[in-house]
Amino acid sequence: MKKSELARVIRERRSIKKGYNNQEVTEEKVLELLEDAIWAPNHGMRQPWRFIFVGAEQKASFAKKVAATYPLEKQKNREDYLNEPSAILVVIMEEPDISKQWEENYGATSSLIQNFWLLAWEKRLGVVWKTNPHIYDPKVKELLEVGEKEKIIGFLHLGYFDEQPEVKERISAKDKFTLFKA
């Protein structure tokens, strides 16, 4: 049976962690993708996300400032690491006090990230969702003006690429599927 175009894109999508080429990731392209990605399901239409784009012109300064939150011996490594992608999209989520709403917001924001990733893949724009220690650092939250009731969900490293990573097989859903027994 032939797979739908959507199923094909879902199965072909990969995390692009390195090997970015020199093609610039523009603010306009990221906004274009986000305008479709925001159609993710979200409980109560809270739309609990916001974004900070770090483009080519800001990346070196951004990398230096984030790396400065690490111990001195790790700063050069972290600065190099943050300079590797062509651009970074910081995804921030509203953090409600009610646990149920927090989980709904996290699910919605994760769905938005997956939408963005799939849309980017169609344009051969590589994405990887990073949750390195700096996203939890209060100094990074301050640097990015993340509010008290907000959480950095991740840094999406972005860049166009020439070589697609190999497929990593998945465990079949059948192997993780059971029927409820009354």
Protein backbone atom coordinates (compact mmCIF):
# COMPACT_ATOMS: atom_id res chain seq x y z
CA MET A 1 0.00 0.00 0.00
CA LYS A 2 1.37 3.40 -0.99
CA LYS A 3 2.11 5.82 1.87
CA SER A 4 0.61 9.31 1.88
CA GLU A 5 2.89 12.29 1.34
CA LEU A 6 2.52 13.17 5.03
CA ALA A 7 3.49 9.64 6.10
CA ARG A 8 6.52 9.83 3.80
CA VAL A 9 7.67 13.13 5.32
CA ILE A 10 7.18 11.79 8.87
CA ARG A 11 9.25 8.70 8.09
CA GLU A 12 11.99 10.55 6.21
CA ARG A 13 12.50 13.36 8.74
CA ARG A 14 15.83 13.25 10.53
CA SER A 15 17.58 15.26 13.21
CA ILE A 16 20.28 17.34 11.54
CA LYS A 17 22.90 17.84 14.24
CA LYS A 18 25.87 18.89 12.10
CA GLY A 19 27.04 19.19 8.52
CA TYR A 20 25.18 22.42 7.85
CA ASN A 21 26.04 24.17 4.61
CA ASN A 22 26.46 27.94 4.13
CA GLN A 23 22.89 28.70 3.04
CA GLU A 24 21.47 31.33 5.40
CA VAL A 25 18.43 30.53 7.52
CA THR A 26 16.39 33.72 7.36
CA GLU A 27 13.97 35.22 9.81
CA GLU A 28 11.40 35.29 7.01
CA LYS A 29 11.70 31.53 6.34
CA VAL A 30 11.40 30.69 10.04
CA LEU A 31 8.33 32.93 10.41
CA GLU A 32 6.77 31.35 7.31
CA LEU A 33 7.19 27.87 8.83
CA LEU A 34 5.95 29.01 12.24
CA GLU A 35 2.77 30.47 10.73
CA ASP A 36 1.77 26.92 9.77
CA ALA A 37 3.33 25.19 12.79
CA ILE A 38 1.19 27.19 15.25
CA TRP A 39 -1.84 25.23 14.08
CA ALA A 40 -0.82 22.55 16.57
CA PRO A 41 -3.57 21.32 18.88
CA ASN A 42 -3.60 23.27 22.14
CA HIS A 43 -6.07 22.95 24.97
CA GLY A 44 -8.26 25.98 25.53
CA MET A 45 -6.55 27.72 22.61
CA ARG A 46 -3.96 28.98 25.11
CA GLN A 47 -1.29 29.03 22.39
CA PRO A 48 1.32 28.83 25.17
CA TRP A 49 4.43 29.51 23.09
CA ARG A 50 6.70 32.28 21.99
CA PHE A 51 9.97 32.32 20.08
CA ILE A 52 13.32 34.08 19.98
CA PHE A 53 15.16 33.88 16.67
CA VAL A 54 18.95 34.05 16.62
CA GLY A 55 20.11 34.63 13.06
CA ALA A 56 23.55 34.75 11.49
CA GLU A 57 24.21 38.34 12.60
CA GLN A 58 23.40 37.68 16.26
CA LYS A 59 24.74 34.14 16.59
CA ALA A 60 28.35 34.88 17.64
CA SER A 61 27.29 37.30 20.37
CA PHE A 62 24.51 34.95 21.51
CA ALA A 63 26.88 31.96 21.63
CA LYS A 64 29.46 33.91 23.64
CA LYS A 65 26.86 35.11 26.17
CA VAL A 66 25.26 31.67 26.66
CA ALA A 67 28.67 29.97 26.84
CA ALA A 68 29.69 32.44 29.58
CA THR A 69 27.13 30.79 31.88
CA TYR A 70 29.25 27.60 31.89
CA PRO A 71 32.40 26.98 33.96
CA LEU A 72 35.46 28.56 32.35
CA GLU A 73 36.90 25.25 31.13
CA LYS A 74 33.70 24.48 29.14
CA GLN A 75 33.06 27.92 27.65
CA LYS A 76 35.07 27.52 24.42
CA ASN A 77 33.43 24.15 23.71
CA ARG A 78 29.93 25.54 24.31
CA GLU A 79 30.60 28.65 22.24
CA ASP A 80 31.80 26.54 19.31
CA TYR A 81 28.79 24.25 19.74
CA LEU A 82 26.31 27.15 19.64
CA ASN A 83 28.03 28.64 16.60
CA GLU A 84 27.71 25.40 14.59
CA PRO A 85 24.09 25.74 13.40
CA SER A 86 23.21 28.46 10.92
CA ALA A 87 20.53 29.84 13.25
CA ILE A 88 18.80 29.00 16.52
CA LEU A 89 15.14 29.25 17.42
CA VAL A 90 14.54 29.39 21.17
CA VAL A 91 11.10 28.00 22.05
CA ILE A 92 9.53 29.30 25.26
CA MET A 93 6.37 28.02 26.95
CA GLU A 94 4.00 29.64 29.44
CA GLU A 95 4.13 27.78 32.77
CA PRO A 96 0.77 27.76 34.55
CA ASP A 97 0.53 26.82 38.23
CA ILE A 98 -2.01 24.06 37.55
CA SER A 99 -0.20 20.77 36.74
CA LYS A 100 -2.82 19.67 34.21
CA GLN A 101 -2.48 22.92 32.27
CA TRP A 102 1.34 22.71 32.46
CA GLU A 103 1.24 19.27 30.84
CA GLU A 104 -1.25 20.44 28.23
CA ASN A 105 0.99 23.40 27.41
CA TYR A 106 4.05 21.17 27.13
CA GLY A 107 2.17 18.76 24.84
CA ALA A 108 0.95 21.63 22.68
CA THR A 109 4.39 23.20 22.43
CA SER A 110 5.94 19.83 21.60
CA SER A 111 3.33 19.37 18.87
CA LEU A 112 4.18 22.79 17.48
CA ILE A 113 7.87 21.84 17.43
CA GLN A 114 7.07 18.63 15.54
CA ASN A 115 4.95 20.60 13.04
CA PHE A 116 7.82 23.05 12.54
CA TRP A 117 10.31 20.21 12.13
CA LEU A 118 8.23 18.47 9.46
CA LEU A 119 7.57 21.71 7.58
CA ALA A 120 11.28 22.57 7.70
CA TRP A 121 12.18 19.08 6.45
CA GLU A 122 10.06 19.62 3.35
CA LYS A 123 12.24 22.67 2.59
CA ARG A 124 15.46 20.72 3.32
CA LEU A 125 16.01 22.88 6.38
CA GLY A 126 17.55 20.73 9.08
CA VAL A 127 16.37 20.91 12.67
CA VAL A 128 17.41 19.33 15.93
CA TRP A 129 15.70 20.00 19.28
CA LYS A 130 18.36 20.63 21.94
CA THR A 131 17.75 20.54 25.68
CA ASN A 132 21.28 21.21 26.92
CA PRO A 133 21.89 22.30 30.53
CA HIS A 134 21.88 26.00 29.61
CA ILE A 135 18.12 25.96 28.97
CA TYR A 136 17.65 25.41 32.71
CA ASP A 137 20.15 28.04 33.82
CA PRO A 138 18.57 31.13 35.47
CA LYS A 139 21.33 33.29 33.90
CA VAL A 140 20.25 32.16 30.41
CA LYS A 141 16.61 32.83 31.28
CA GLU A 142 17.65 36.33 32.37
CA LEU A 143 19.75 36.86 29.23
CA LEU A 144 16.74 35.92 27.07
CA GLU A 145 14.25 37.83 29.22
CA VAL A 146 12.28 34.68 29.96
CA GLY A 147 9.58 35.47 32.50
CA GLU A 148 9.08 33.93 35.91
CA LYS A 149 6.08 31.95 34.61
CA GLU A 150 7.85 30.79 31.45
CA LYS A 151 10.11 27.84 30.59
CA ILE A 152 12.66 27.43 27.82
CA ILE A 153 11.52 24.21 26.10
CA GLY A 154 14.57 24.00 23.91
CA PHE A 155 16.90 25.53 21.40
CA LEU A 156 16.08 24.40 17.87
CA HIS A 157 19.36 24.32 15.96
CA LEU A 158 18.66 25.13 12.31
CA GLY A 159 20.65 24.81 9.12
CA TYR A 160 20.42 23.70 5.54
CA PHE A 161 22.29 20.50 4.73
CA ASP A 162 23.60 18.49 1.81
CA GLU A 163 23.88 14.98 3.26
CA GLN A 164 20.90 13.26 4.86
CA PRO A 165 21.62 11.05 7.90
CA GLU A 166 20.90 7.36 7.63
CA VAL A 167 17.62 5.85 8.79
CA LYS A 168 17.52 4.57 12.35
CA GLU A 169 14.92 1.84 12.47
CA ARG A 170 12.04 2.01 14.92
CA ILE A 171 10.52 -0.72 17.03
CA SER A 172 7.22 -1.63 15.40
CA ALA A 173 4.09 -0.22 17.03
CA LYS A 174 2.81 -3.82 17.04
CA ASP A 175 5.55 -4.69 19.54
CA LYS A 176 4.32 -1.95 21.89
CA PHE A 177 0.59 -2.43 21.38
CA THR A 178 -1.78 -4.30 23.65
CA LEU A 179 -5.52 -4.60 24.05
CA PHE A 180 -7.25 -3.77 27.29
CA LYS A 181 -8.56 -6.91 28.93
CA ALA A 182 -11.75 -6.43 30.89
